[in-house]
Amino acid sequence: MLRMKTWRILLSMVLAIGSISLMTAFRFPAKEPHSLHVQLLGINDFHGQLDKTNMVDGKPVGTAAVLAAYLKKREQENPNTLLVQAGDMVGASAPVSALLQDEPTIRILNALGFDAGTIGNHEFDEGIPEMMRLIYGGYHEKTGDFEGASFPYTCANVLDKQTHQPILPPYTIKRVKGIPIGFIGVVSRTTPSIVISDHVKDVEFIDEATAVNRWVKVLKQKGVHTIIVLAHEGGNQNRDTGKIEGPIADIARKIDPEVDVIFAGHTHTYLNGTVAGKLIVQAYSYGTAFSDVDLTIDRRSKDVTSKHGEIVTTYQERIKPDPQVAKMVAEAEKKVGPLINQVIGKTAAAITRTQNEAGESALGNLIADAQRAAMNTDFAFMNPGGIRADLPAGDVTWGDLYTTQPFGNQLEKMELTGEQIKQLLNQQFQDPDRVHMLQISGLKYRWDPSRPADDRIVSMTGADGTPIDLNQTYTVTTNNFLASGGDRFTVFTGGKNVVIGPTDLDALIQYIKQLPQPFHAEIEGRIQSAP
């Protein structure tokens, strides 16, 4: 009996040891947590500012190498990170990027490993074929062959007029640890009014929310429940209340509740808040900041259970510039250096594009004067959106002037009546959310903010004080963007006897060269606002 009991004990021990061995040999993986934590890092409106330092709170911020260092540091904090951009990566760029067809900017985004992006209005600056070349690659006579972007671009609301299909993929899906995340891109439907009309004549821009909702349905059918919108449209946020207003808020209210986050752009403002359940973020512009959105996604439902946004300023003093990107920028600078470093003139003091309450700026006056002189006309009108940077104190280089006027718009001389000029000035106030105060030369006027938007001009005179005769014909200089009705200044399209002149940049360079040095410009009371 004892022997039998001993045998049973030994047999039990052998079986137990065997079980342990089997469990060791075929170890089951640890059970995965129910939630996945994903980090989305976003930029918007970079505009090829590869080597440009800006100031925030009196401290230097930005440049591509500094931005890259911040993004790489944040990526190291979470292996589940995706990099996204919300349009206007190129266009109105610094010379180091623009003179090389903005290829250096795309190459840097490639090097950083961006995962998805959309287009902004400035991607259309040189037309759709050039936009597609930068995205998909191709040959350019100035730069040769280019590989294109290594990440997908998506845009759902720009349709080919013939096929009525999106000209770019309307969405893209990225998988993080098996969880699908959908991205839908849209660009402001106002784009046709803020780019040269000929560049967008073959496409139509449909309502952003309508486009998003169409493709949200498709993503849901594919089992995608974490959905991000990359929207090149923006708004403003009240810092006290946190309330977000403007076009992007209107879009957020109209789109499907399945959308979790909107990366905004276009308005170059700070946004970090929620509208209709959607987290909206926008990180200013020019690489001075980036958005960091943290998502918690339920692995079973594949939907977002929590989200948090942060806007991070890229202070230079807090990080060492990324050496890889710094080298890429230096190589581009070397290529364009001989041209952009030429000194054209010297300022007595910095000349800024900052407008006073009436809408006049010192730099706007200088540029308008240069254009009127180049075409020898009675008056000149310059769109403020075409003035992209201030002029520094001291030496002013070719590169400084290019940065100020990077579009290479052609000047046009035309004839308008005094009545048309009055209508033109009233068109400045047609959109209360986006007033565009034209910078002027050769005339003065007064406007009354208390009057109806289409009748605010109360007096107009020449620079010498002579009243402008509504029935008389005057010669006027503007650029081809405004001449085609850009910024909704449609009066220009009725101009007669049009004559084409030099580019706006060439006109400014020649004008500055003939000024007494050091030159200056100031606000002179050309525009006055009073009842």
Protein backbone atom coordinates (compact mmCIF):
# COMPACT_ATOMS: atom_id res chain seq x y z
CA MET A 1 0.00 0.00 0.00
CA LEU A 2 2.85 2.34 0.89
CA ARG A 3 4.62 1.48 -2.34
CA MET A 4 1.49 2.32 -4.38
CA LYS A 5 1.10 5.69 -2.61
CA THR A 6 4.76 6.53 -3.19
CA TRP A 7 4.41 5.68 -6.89
CA ARG A 8 1.39 7.96 -7.22
CA ILE A 9 3.30 10.83 -5.57
CA LEU A 10 6.24 10.35 -7.93
CA LEU A 11 3.91 10.20 -10.93
CA SER A 12 2.21 13.45 -9.86
CA MET A 13 5.58 15.15 -9.51
CA VAL A 14 6.63 14.05 -13.01
CA LEU A 15 3.35 15.29 -14.51
CA ALA A 16 3.69 18.60 -12.72
CA ILE A 17 7.25 19.07 -13.95
CA GLY A 18 6.10 18.18 -17.47
CA SER A 19 3.34 20.75 -17.30
CA ILE A 20 5.78 23.40 -16.23
CA SER A 21 8.11 22.44 -19.07
CA LEU A 22 5.29 22.61 -21.59
CA MET A 23 4.18 26.02 -20.31
CA THR A 24 7.78 27.21 -20.57
CA ALA A 25 8.17 25.87 -24.07
CA PHE A 26 4.84 27.28 -25.26
CA ARG A 27 4.62 30.48 -23.26
CA PHE A 28 1.47 32.50 -24.05
CA PRO A 29 1.94 36.24 -24.68
CA ALA A 30 0.83 38.68 -22.04
CA LYS A 31 -2.68 39.97 -22.61
CA GLU A 32 -2.65 43.28 -24.50
CA PRO A 33 -4.16 46.30 -22.73
CA HIS A 34 -7.60 47.36 -23.85
CA SER A 35 -6.41 50.83 -24.88
CA LEU A 36 -3.88 52.14 -27.39
CA HIS A 37 -2.22 55.51 -26.85
CA VAL A 38 -1.47 57.36 -30.10
CA GLN A 39 0.34 60.67 -30.51
CA LEU A 40 -0.33 62.95 -33.50
CA LEU A 41 2.17 65.74 -34.16
CA GLY A 42 0.98 68.39 -36.61
CA ILE A 43 2.19 71.52 -38.36
CA ASN A 44 0.40 73.99 -40.61
CA ASP A 45 1.29 76.98 -42.81
CA PHE A 46 5.03 76.35 -42.79
CA HIS A 47 5.52 78.28 -46.05
CA GLY A 48 9.04 77.00 -46.64
CA GLN A 49 10.49 79.05 -43.78
CA LEU A 50 13.53 76.80 -43.56
CA ASP A 51 16.03 79.35 -42.25
CA LYS A 52 13.78 82.09 -40.86
CA THR A 53 13.81 82.97 -37.18
CA ASN A 54 10.73 84.62 -35.68
CA MET A 55 10.20 86.15 -32.26
CA VAL A 56 7.68 85.08 -29.61
CA ASP A 57 7.65 86.84 -26.24
CA GLY A 58 10.94 88.45 -27.20
CA LYS A 59 12.62 85.07 -27.76
CA PRO A 60 13.78 83.52 -31.06
CA VAL A 61 11.66 80.62 -32.35
CA GLY A 62 11.50 78.43 -35.41
CA THR A 63 13.69 77.38 -38.36
CA ALA A 64 13.34 73.92 -39.88
CA ALA A 65 16.20 72.44 -37.86
CA VAL A 66 14.72 73.60 -34.54
CA LEU A 67 11.23 72.39 -35.44
CA ALA A 68 12.70 69.04 -36.47
CA ALA A 69 14.48 68.67 -33.15
CA TYR A 70 11.24 69.26 -31.24
CA LEU A 71 9.30 66.79 -33.37
CA LYS A 72 11.95 64.09 -33.04
CA LYS A 73 12.10 64.57 -29.27
CA ARG A 74 8.33 64.20 -28.96
CA GLU A 75 8.38 61.11 -31.21
CA GLN A 76 10.78 59.42 -28.81
CA GLU A 77 8.20 59.76 -26.04
CA ASN A 78 5.65 57.55 -27.80
CA PRO A 79 6.45 54.87 -30.40
CA ASN A 80 2.86 55.16 -31.68
CA THR A 81 3.37 58.59 -33.30
CA LEU A 82 2.13 59.94 -36.63
CA LEU A 83 3.26 63.24 -38.20
CA VAL A 84 0.71 65.25 -40.19
CA GLN A 85 0.46 68.61 -41.93
CA ALA A 86 -2.56 70.80 -42.71
CA GLY A 87 -1.48 72.61 -45.88
CA ASP A 88 0.57 75.60 -47.08
CA MET A 89 3.82 73.77 -46.52
CA VAL A 90 5.07 75.62 -49.61
CA GLY A 91 4.22 78.85 -51.40
CA ALA A 92 5.02 82.35 -50.17
CA SER A 93 8.25 80.67 -49.13
CA ALA A 94 11.64 81.97 -48.07
CA PRO A 95 14.14 82.20 -50.97
CA VAL A 96 16.13 79.21 -49.74
CA SER A 97 13.09 77.07 -50.55
CA ALA A 98 11.25 79.07 -53.24
CA LEU A 99 14.21 79.58 -55.57
CA LEU A 100 14.63 75.79 -55.66
CA GLN A 101 10.94 75.24 -56.50
CA ASP A 102 10.22 74.42 -52.82
CA GLU A 103 11.87 71.03 -53.23
CA PRO A 104 14.03 71.51 -50.08
CA THR A 105 10.89 71.83 -47.94
CA ILE A 106 9.35 68.62 -49.26
CA ARG A 107 12.66 66.79 -48.83
CA ILE A 108 12.81 67.86 -45.18
CA LEU A 109 9.24 66.65 -44.56
CA ASN A 110 10.28 63.35 -46.16
CA ALA A 111 13.36 63.11 -43.94
CA LEU A 112 11.23 63.67 -40.84
CA GLY A 113 8.95 60.82 -41.86
CA PHE A 114 5.65 62.64 -42.22
CA ASP A 115 2.70 60.27 -42.53
CA ALA A 116 -0.09 62.34 -44.12
CA GLY A 117 -0.87 65.83 -45.33
CA THR A 118 -3.25 68.01 -47.27
CA ILE A 119 -2.93 70.99 -49.59
CA GLY A 120 -3.49 74.66 -48.81
CA ASN A 121 -4.34 77.52 -51.11
CA HIS A 122 -0.63 78.31 -51.60
CA GLU A 123 0.07 74.90 -53.07
CA PHE A 124 -1.80 76.29 -56.11
CA ASP A 125 0.54 79.32 -56.47
CA GLU A 126 2.28 77.92 -59.53
CA GLY A 127 -0.67 75.94 -60.85
CA ILE A 128 -1.89 72.37 -60.46
CA PRO A 129 0.80 70.68 -62.61
CA GLU A 130 3.57 72.07 -60.41
CA MET A 131 1.63 71.13 -57.26
CA MET A 132 1.32 67.56 -58.56
CA ARG A 133 5.04 67.49 -59.45
CA LEU A 134 5.97 68.33 -55.87
CA ILE A 135 3.62 65.65 -54.56
CA TYR A 136 4.33 62.82 -57.01
CA GLY A 137 7.72 63.83 -58.42
CA GLY A 138 8.85 64.90 -61.86
CA TYR A 139 11.14 67.14 -63.86
CA HIS A 140 11.49 70.94 -63.67
CA GLU A 141 13.76 72.94 -65.96
CA LYS A 142 15.25 74.88 -63.03
CA THR A 143 15.98 71.97 -60.72
CA GLY A 144 15.90 68.76 -62.77
CA ASP A 145 14.32 65.54 -61.53
CA PHE A 146 12.57 65.51 -58.17
CA GLU A 147 11.43 62.45 -56.23
CA GLY A 148 8.26 63.99 -54.79
CA ALA A 149 6.73 63.50 -51.36
CA SER A 150 7.22 60.17 -49.61
CA PHE A 151 3.93 60.50 -47.71
CA PRO A 152 0.35 60.63 -49.03
CA TYR A 153 -1.51 63.87 -49.68
CA THR A 154 -5.28 63.80 -49.31
CA CYS A 155 -7.93 66.32 -50.39
CA ALA A 156 -11.62 65.50 -50.67
CA ASN A 157 -13.16 68.80 -51.78
CA VAL A 158 -11.19 69.77 -54.92
CA LEU A 159 -12.83 68.09 -57.90
CA ASP A 160 -11.91 67.89 -61.56
CA LYS A 161 -14.58 69.82 -63.47
CA GLN A 162 -14.84 67.14 -66.14
CA THR A 163 -14.83 63.97 -64.07
CA HIS A 164 -16.24 65.46 -60.84
CA GLN A 165 -13.77 63.28 -58.94
CA PRO A 166 -11.22 64.47 -56.38
CA ILE A 167 -7.89 65.40 -57.96
CA LEU A 168 -6.11 63.82 -54.98
CA PRO A 169 -7.05 60.78 -52.87
CA PRO A 170 -9.92 61.91 -50.61
CA TYR A 171 -8.62 59.95 -47.64
CA THR A 172 -5.76 57.79 -46.44
CA ILE A 173 -5.68 55.11 -43.75
CA LYS A 174 -2.76 54.53 -41.40
CA ARG A 175 -2.55 51.55 -39.04
CA VAL A 176 -1.01 51.78 -35.60
CA LYS A 177 -0.62 48.41 -33.83
CA GLY A 178 -3.39 47.07 -36.02
CA ILE A 179 -5.83 49.94 -35.33
CA PRO A 180 -6.90 51.85 -38.47
CA ILE A 181 -6.82 55.64 -38.34
CA GLY A 182 -8.43 57.56 -41.21
CA PHE A 183 -7.33 60.97 -42.46
CA ILE A 184 -9.49 63.16 -44.72
CA GLY A 185 -8.05 66.36 -46.19
CA VAL A 186 -9.88 69.52 -47.28
CA VAL A 187 -8.78 73.01 -48.35
CA SER A 188 -10.67 76.26 -47.92
CA ARG A 189 -13.42 76.59 -50.51
CA THR A 190 -12.48 80.30 -50.74
CA THR A 191 -9.27 79.29 -52.55
CA PRO A 192 -10.46 80.43 -56.01
CA SER A 193 -10.77 84.00 -54.70
CA ILE A 194 -7.27 84.09 -53.21
CA VAL A 195 -5.17 82.52 -55.97
CA ILE A 196 -4.66 83.47 -59.61
CA SER A 197 -7.90 82.39 -61.26
CA ASP A 198 -6.21 80.71 -64.23
CA HIS A 199 -4.48 78.29 -61.87
CA VAL A 200 -7.76 76.77 -60.69
CA LYS A 201 -9.93 77.11 -63.80
CA ASP A 202 -10.15 73.34 -64.33
CA VAL A 203 -11.25 72.39 -60.80
CA GLU A 204 -14.11 73.15 -58.46
CA PHE A 205 -14.00 73.58 -54.70
CA ILE A 206 -17.01 72.07 -52.96
CA ASP A 207 -18.24 72.56 -49.39
CA GLU A 208 -15.69 71.17 -46.94
CA ALA A 209 -18.21 69.53 -44.60
CA THR A 210 -20.10 67.91 -47.46
CA ALA A 211 -16.89 66.39 -48.77
CA VAL A 212 -15.79 65.16 -45.34
CA ASN A 213 -19.15 63.54 -44.60
CA ARG A 214 -19.13 61.68 -47.92
CA TRP A 215 -15.86 59.99 -47.15
CA VAL A 216 -16.53 59.44 -43.44
CA LYS A 217 -19.28 57.05 -44.58
CA VAL A 218 -16.74 55.16 -46.69
CA LEU A 219 -14.27 54.95 -43.81
CA LYS A 220 -16.93 53.65 -41.43
CA GLN A 221 -17.85 50.97 -43.95
CA LYS A 222 -14.20 49.95 -43.92
CA GLY A 223 -14.28 49.61 -40.14
CA VAL A 224 -12.43 52.86 -39.43
CA HIS A 225 -13.76 54.66 -36.35
CA THR A 226 -10.84 56.90 -35.45
CA ILE A 227 -11.07 59.70 -38.02
CA ILE A 228 -8.94 62.83 -38.32
CA VAL A 229 -9.61 65.78 -40.64
CA LEU A 230 -6.67 67.78 -42.03
CA ALA A 231 -8.38 71.06 -42.89
CA HIS A 232 -6.70 74.05 -44.46
CA GLU A 233 -9.25 76.38 -42.95
CA GLY A 234 -9.18 78.16 -39.63
CA GLY A 235 -10.69 80.59 -37.21
CA ASN A 236 -10.01 82.41 -33.97
CA GLN A 237 -10.22 81.48 -30.32
CA ASN A 238 -11.15 83.65 -27.37
CA ARG A 239 -8.33 83.14 -24.86
CA ASP A 240 -10.63 83.97 -21.93
CA THR A 241 -13.59 81.75 -22.80
CA GLY A 242 -11.87 79.23 -25.06
CA LYS A 243 -14.65 79.62 -27.64
CA ILE A 244 -13.59 78.96 -31.22
CA GLU A 245 -15.29 80.94 -33.97
CA GLY A 246 -14.92 81.22 -37.73
CA PRO A 247 -15.13 78.86 -40.72
CA ILE A 248 -13.47 75.92 -38.98
CA ALA A 249 -16.06 76.03 -36.19
CA ASP A 250 -18.86 76.03 -38.76
CA ILE A 251 -17.29 73.01 -40.46
CA ALA A 252 -16.94 71.17 -37.14
CA ARG A 253 -20.65 71.60 -36.41
CA LYS A 254 -21.64 70.18 -39.80
CA ILE A 255 -19.44 67.12 -40.02
CA ASP A 256 -20.17 63.61 -38.83
CA PRO A 257 -19.75 62.96 -35.07
CA GLU A 258 -17.41 60.10 -35.98
CA VAL A 259 -14.70 62.70 -36.67
CA ASP A 260 -12.52 63.02 -33.58
CA VAL A 261 -9.90 65.69 -34.34
CA ILE A 262 -9.48 68.54 -36.82
CA PHE A 263 -5.98 69.85 -37.58
CA ALA A 264 -6.69 73.39 -38.85
CA GLY A 265 -4.67 75.96 -40.78
CA HIS A 266 -4.88 78.99 -43.06
CA THR A 267 -5.51 81.69 -40.43
CA HIS A 268 -2.10 81.35 -38.71
CA THR A 269 -3.75 81.48 -35.29
CA TYR A 270 -3.71 79.53 -32.03
CA LEU A 271 -6.51 77.00 -31.74
CA ASN A 272 -6.88 74.34 -29.07
CA GLY A 273 -10.44 73.59 -28.06
CA THR A 274 -13.55 71.57 -28.77
CA VAL A 275 -16.47 72.35 -31.06
CA ALA A 276 -19.36 69.89 -31.43
CA GLY A 277 -17.27 67.13 -29.87
CA LYS A 278 -14.32 67.63 -32.24
CA LEU A 279 -10.94 68.67 -30.88
CA ILE A 280 -9.58 71.50 -33.08
CA VAL A 281 -5.91 72.49 -33.06
CA GLN A 282 -3.86 75.00 -35.07
CA ALA A 283 -0.24 75.89 -34.33
CA TYR A 284 0.21 79.45 -35.61
CA SER A 285 2.52 79.31 -38.68
CA TYR A 286 6.10 79.28 -40.06
CA GLY A 287 7.25 76.47 -37.76
CA THR A 288 7.02 78.70 -34.69
CA ALA A 289 4.92 75.99 -33.01
CA PHE A 290 3.43 72.54 -33.55
CA SER A 291 0.34 70.66 -32.35
CA ASP A 292 0.59 67.61 -30.10
CA VAL A 293 -2.62 65.58 -29.90
CA ASP A 294 -2.77 62.54 -27.62
CA LEU A 295 -5.47 59.96 -28.30
CA THR A 296 -6.63 56.96 -26.30
CA ILE A 297 -8.24 54.40 -28.59
CA ASP A 298 -10.27 51.40 -27.43
CA ARG A 299 -8.83 48.30 -29.11
CA ARG A 300 -12.20 46.57 -29.35
CA SER A 301 -14.34 49.40 -30.72
CA LYS A 302 -11.38 51.03 -32.52
CA ASP A 303 -12.79 54.39 -31.47
CA VAL A 304 -11.33 57.29 -29.48
CA THR A 305 -12.19 57.32 -25.79
CA SER A 306 -10.19 60.40 -24.83
CA LYS A 307 -8.22 63.17 -26.57
CA HIS A 308 -6.04 66.05 -25.50
CA GLY A 309 -4.33 68.83 -27.45
CA GLU A 310 -1.26 70.95 -26.77
CA ILE A 311 0.32 73.74 -28.83
CA VAL A 312 4.09 73.76 -28.32
CA THR A 313 6.19 76.84 -29.17
CA THR A 314 9.56 76.04 -30.75
CA TYR A 315 11.82 78.24 -28.61
CA GLN A 316 15.37 77.98 -29.93
CA GLU A 317 16.99 78.33 -26.51
CA ARG A 318 15.42 75.11 -25.24
CA ILE A 319 16.76 72.64 -27.80
CA LYS A 320 19.72 71.92 -30.07
CA PRO A 321 18.89 72.16 -33.80
CA ASP A 322 18.62 68.81 -35.54
CA PRO A 323 21.94 68.24 -37.37
CA GLN A 324 20.44 66.28 -40.28
CA VAL A 325 17.95 69.01 -41.18
CA ALA A 326 20.47 71.77 -40.46
CA LYS A 327 22.77 70.19 -43.05
CA MET A 328 19.96 70.01 -45.61
CA VAL A 329 19.13 73.69 -45.11
CA ALA A 330 22.81 74.67 -45.35
CA GLU A 331 23.10 72.85 -48.68
CA ALA A 332 20.10 74.76 -50.05
CA GLU A 333 21.47 78.06 -48.72
CA LYS A 334 24.75 77.44 -50.50
CA LYS A 335 22.95 77.01 -53.84
CA VAL A 336 21.03 80.28 -53.62
CA GLY A 337 23.50 82.33 -51.58
CA PRO A 338 25.17 84.35 -54.37
CA LEU A 339 21.81 85.80 -55.41
CA ILE A 340 20.00 86.33 -52.14
CA ASN A 341 22.95 87.92 -50.34
CA GLN A 342 23.24 90.85 -52.76
CA VAL A 343 22.68 94.14 -50.89
CA ILE A 344 20.10 96.30 -52.68
CA GLY A 345 19.87 99.20 -50.24
CA LYS A 346 19.97 100.26 -46.62
CA THR A 347 17.07 101.29 -44.37
CA ALA A 348 17.23 104.00 -41.75
CA ALA A 349 14.99 101.81 -39.55
CA ALA A 350 12.90 98.65 -39.92
CA ILE A 351 9.91 99.10 -42.25
CA THR A 352 6.92 97.00 -41.24
CA ARG A 353 3.70 95.80 -42.82
CA THR A 354 1.77 96.44 -39.60
CA GLN A 355 -1.35 98.42 -40.41
CA ASN A 356 -2.73 101.21 -38.26
CA GLU A 357 -6.41 101.31 -37.33
CA ALA A 358 -7.30 102.92 -40.63
CA GLY A 359 -5.55 100.14 -42.62
CA GLU A 360 -2.33 101.84 -43.76
CA SER A 361 1.20 100.47 -43.34
CA ALA A 362 4.63 101.94 -44.00
CA LEU A 363 5.78 98.95 -46.07
CA GLY A 364 2.51 98.97 -48.00
CA ASN A 365 3.15 102.60 -48.94
CA LEU A 366 6.68 101.80 -50.12
CA ILE A 367 5.57 98.89 -52.30
CA ALA A 368 2.61 100.75 -53.79
CA ASP A 369 4.88 103.71 -54.59
CA ALA A 370 7.34 101.38 -56.33
CA GLN A 371 4.59 99.87 -58.47
CA ARG A 372 3.13 103.24 -59.46
CA ALA A 373 6.60 104.47 -60.43
CA ALA A 374 7.31 101.34 -62.49
CA MET A 375 4.15 101.79 -64.58
CA ASN A 376 3.93 105.62 -64.44
CA THR A 377 0.23 105.69 -63.46
CA ASP A 378 -2.02 107.97 -61.46
CA PHE A 379 -2.64 105.43 -58.72
CA ALA A 380 -1.47 102.01 -57.52
CA PHE A 381 -3.16 99.34 -55.39
CA MET A 382 -1.39 96.48 -53.60
CA ASN A 383 -3.05 93.56 -51.78
CA PRO A 384 -1.83 93.26 -48.16
CA GLY A 385 -1.72 89.44 -48.39
CA GLY A 386 1.05 89.78 -50.95
CA ILE A 387 3.32 91.49 -48.40
CA ARG A 388 4.78 88.55 -46.49
CA ALA A 389 7.54 89.99 -44.32
CA ASP A 390 8.94 93.25 -42.90
CA LEU A 391 12.17 94.88 -44.07
CA PRO A 392 14.98 94.87 -41.49
CA ALA A 393 16.93 97.84 -40.22
CA GLY A 394 20.24 98.30 -42.02
CA ASP A 395 21.29 96.39 -45.12
CA VAL A 396 18.42 95.10 -47.24
CA THR A 397 19.34 92.16 -49.45
CA TRP A 398 17.75 90.66 -52.54
CA GLY A 399 16.66 87.82 -50.30
CA ASP A 400 14.94 90.21 -47.89
CA LEU A 401 12.95 91.74 -50.73
CA TYR A 402 12.08 88.33 -52.15
CA THR A 403 10.84 87.20 -48.74
CA THR A 404 8.65 90.31 -48.63
CA GLN A 405 7.23 89.73 -52.14
CA PRO A 406 7.74 86.05 -53.02
CA PHE A 407 5.01 85.50 -55.59
CA GLY A 408 6.59 87.06 -58.66
CA ASN A 409 3.29 88.63 -59.67
CA GLN A 410 3.24 90.62 -62.91
CA LEU A 411 2.28 94.28 -62.73
CA GLU A 412 -0.59 95.47 -64.90
CA LYS A 413 -1.53 98.99 -65.95
CA MET A 414 -5.22 99.63 -66.68
CA GLU A 415 -7.82 102.37 -66.86
CA LEU A 416 -10.60 102.78 -64.28
CA THR A 417 -13.10 105.57 -63.75
CA GLY A 418 -13.37 107.47 -60.50
CA GLU A 419 -16.65 105.66 -59.86
CA GLN A 420 -14.96 102.29 -60.32
CA ILE A 421 -12.19 103.30 -57.91
CA LYS A 422 -14.82 104.17 -55.30
CA GLN A 423 -16.50 100.78 -55.82
CA LEU A 424 -13.11 99.11 -55.57
CA LEU A 425 -12.35 100.72 -52.21
CA ASN A 426 -15.79 99.76 -50.91
CA GLN A 427 -15.07 96.14 -51.87
CA GLN A 428 -12.51 96.10 -49.05
CA PHE A 429 -15.39 95.73 -46.60
CA GLN A 430 -17.55 93.16 -48.40
CA ASP A 431 -16.46 90.34 -46.07
CA PRO A 432 -16.62 91.45 -42.41
CA ASP A 433 -14.59 88.40 -41.33
CA ARG A 434 -11.73 89.08 -43.77
CA VAL A 435 -11.28 92.77 -44.50
CA HIS A 436 -8.48 93.30 -47.03
CA MET A 437 -7.21 96.89 -46.82
CA LEU A 438 -5.48 97.69 -50.10
CA GLN A 439 -2.21 99.55 -49.82
CA ILE A 440 -2.29 102.62 -52.05
CA SER A 441 -0.17 105.21 -53.84
CA GLY A 442 -1.15 108.49 -55.49
CA LEU A 443 -4.41 109.01 -53.62
CA LYS A 444 -5.93 109.58 -50.22
CA TYR A 445 -9.34 108.60 -48.94
CA ARG A 446 -11.48 108.56 -45.80
CA TRP A 447 -13.86 105.80 -44.82
CA ASP A 448 -16.61 105.66 -42.21
CA PRO A 449 -16.92 102.36 -40.30
CA SER A 450 -20.48 103.23 -39.23
CA ARG A 451 -21.80 103.26 -42.78
CA PRO A 452 -23.06 100.20 -44.74
CA ALA A 453 -20.27 97.91 -46.00
CA ASP A 454 -20.89 98.83 -49.63
CA ASP A 455 -20.85 102.59 -49.02
CA ARG A 456 -18.10 103.43 -46.54
CA ILE A 457 -15.92 105.66 -48.74
CA VAL A 458 -16.84 109.27 -47.93
CA SER A 459 -14.05 111.17 -49.73
CA MET A 460 -11.26 110.52 -52.26
CA THR A 461 -8.53 112.85 -53.45
CA GLY A 462 -5.29 112.68 -55.35
CA ALA A 463 -2.06 112.93 -53.38
CA ASP A 464 -2.16 116.72 -53.93
CA GLY A 465 -5.64 117.02 -52.46
CA THR A 466 -7.53 117.35 -55.77
CA PRO A 467 -10.91 115.55 -55.49
CA ILE A 468 -11.25 112.44 -57.63
CA ASP A 469 -13.87 112.96 -60.34
CA LEU A 470 -16.23 109.96 -60.47
CA ASN A 471 -16.69 110.46 -64.22
CA GLN A 472 -13.02 110.85 -65.10
CA THR A 473 -10.77 108.00 -66.29
CA TYR A 474 -7.55 107.36 -64.38
CA THR A 475 -4.58 105.05 -64.95
CA VAL A 476 -4.05 102.43 -62.27
CA THR A 477 -1.33 99.88 -61.44
CA THR A 478 -2.04 96.58 -59.73
CA ASN A 479 -0.71 93.01 -59.93
CA ASN A 480 -2.09 90.14 -61.98
CA PHE A 481 -3.58 88.49 -58.88
CA LEU A 482 -5.80 91.49 -58.16
CA ALA A 483 -6.35 92.14 -61.87
CA SER A 484 -8.00 88.73 -62.16
CA GLY A 485 -10.39 89.54 -59.29
CA GLY A 486 -8.28 88.08 -56.47
CA ASP A 487 -9.47 88.65 -52.89
CA ARG A 488 -12.89 89.32 -54.49
CA PHE A 489 -11.81 92.70 -55.88
CA THR A 490 -13.88 92.14 -59.01
CA VAL A 491 -13.80 95.82 -60.10
CA PHE A 492 -10.31 95.24 -61.50
CA THR A 493 -11.69 92.78 -64.05
CA GLY A 494 -13.50 95.72 -65.69
CA GLY A 495 -10.28 97.64 -66.31
CA LYS A 496 -9.59 98.78 -69.89
CA ASN A 497 -6.50 99.12 -72.07
CA VAL A 498 -4.41 96.72 -70.01
CA VAL A 499 -0.61 96.87 -70.35
CA ILE A 500 1.68 94.22 -68.80
CA GLY A 501 4.75 95.41 -66.88
CA PRO A 502 7.61 93.92 -64.83
CA THR A 503 7.21 91.66 -61.81
CA ASP A 504 6.39 93.27 -58.48
CA LEU A 505 9.76 92.18 -57.10
CA ASP A 506 11.74 93.73 -59.96
CA ALA A 507 9.77 96.95 -59.59
CA LEU A 508 10.58 97.12 -55.87
CA ILE A 509 14.27 96.39 -56.42
CA GLN A 510 14.63 99.11 -59.07
CA TYR A 511 12.70 101.62 -56.99
CA ILE A 512 14.83 101.07 -53.88
CA LYS A 513 18.06 101.34 -55.87
CA GLN A 514 17.19 104.88 -57.02
CA LEU A 515 16.12 106.14 -53.56
CA PRO A 516 18.50 108.25 -51.44
CA GLN A 517 20.22 105.94 -48.96
CA PRO A 518 19.47 105.06 -46.26
CA PHE A 519 15.83 104.98 -47.40
CA HIS A 520 12.74 105.07 -45.22
CA ALA A 521 8.95 104.79 -45.40
CA GLU A 522 6.24 105.71 -42.95
CA ILE A 523 2.50 105.94 -42.45
CA GLU A 524 1.42 109.24 -44.00
CA GLY A 525 -2.34 109.40 -43.52
CA ARG A 526 -3.16 108.13 -46.99
CA ILE A 527 -6.00 106.12 -45.45
CA GLN A 528 -8.12 107.71 -42.74
CA SER A 529 -10.97 106.23 -40.75
CA ALA A 530 -13.43 108.66 -39.20
CA PRO A 531 -17.17 109.38 -39.24
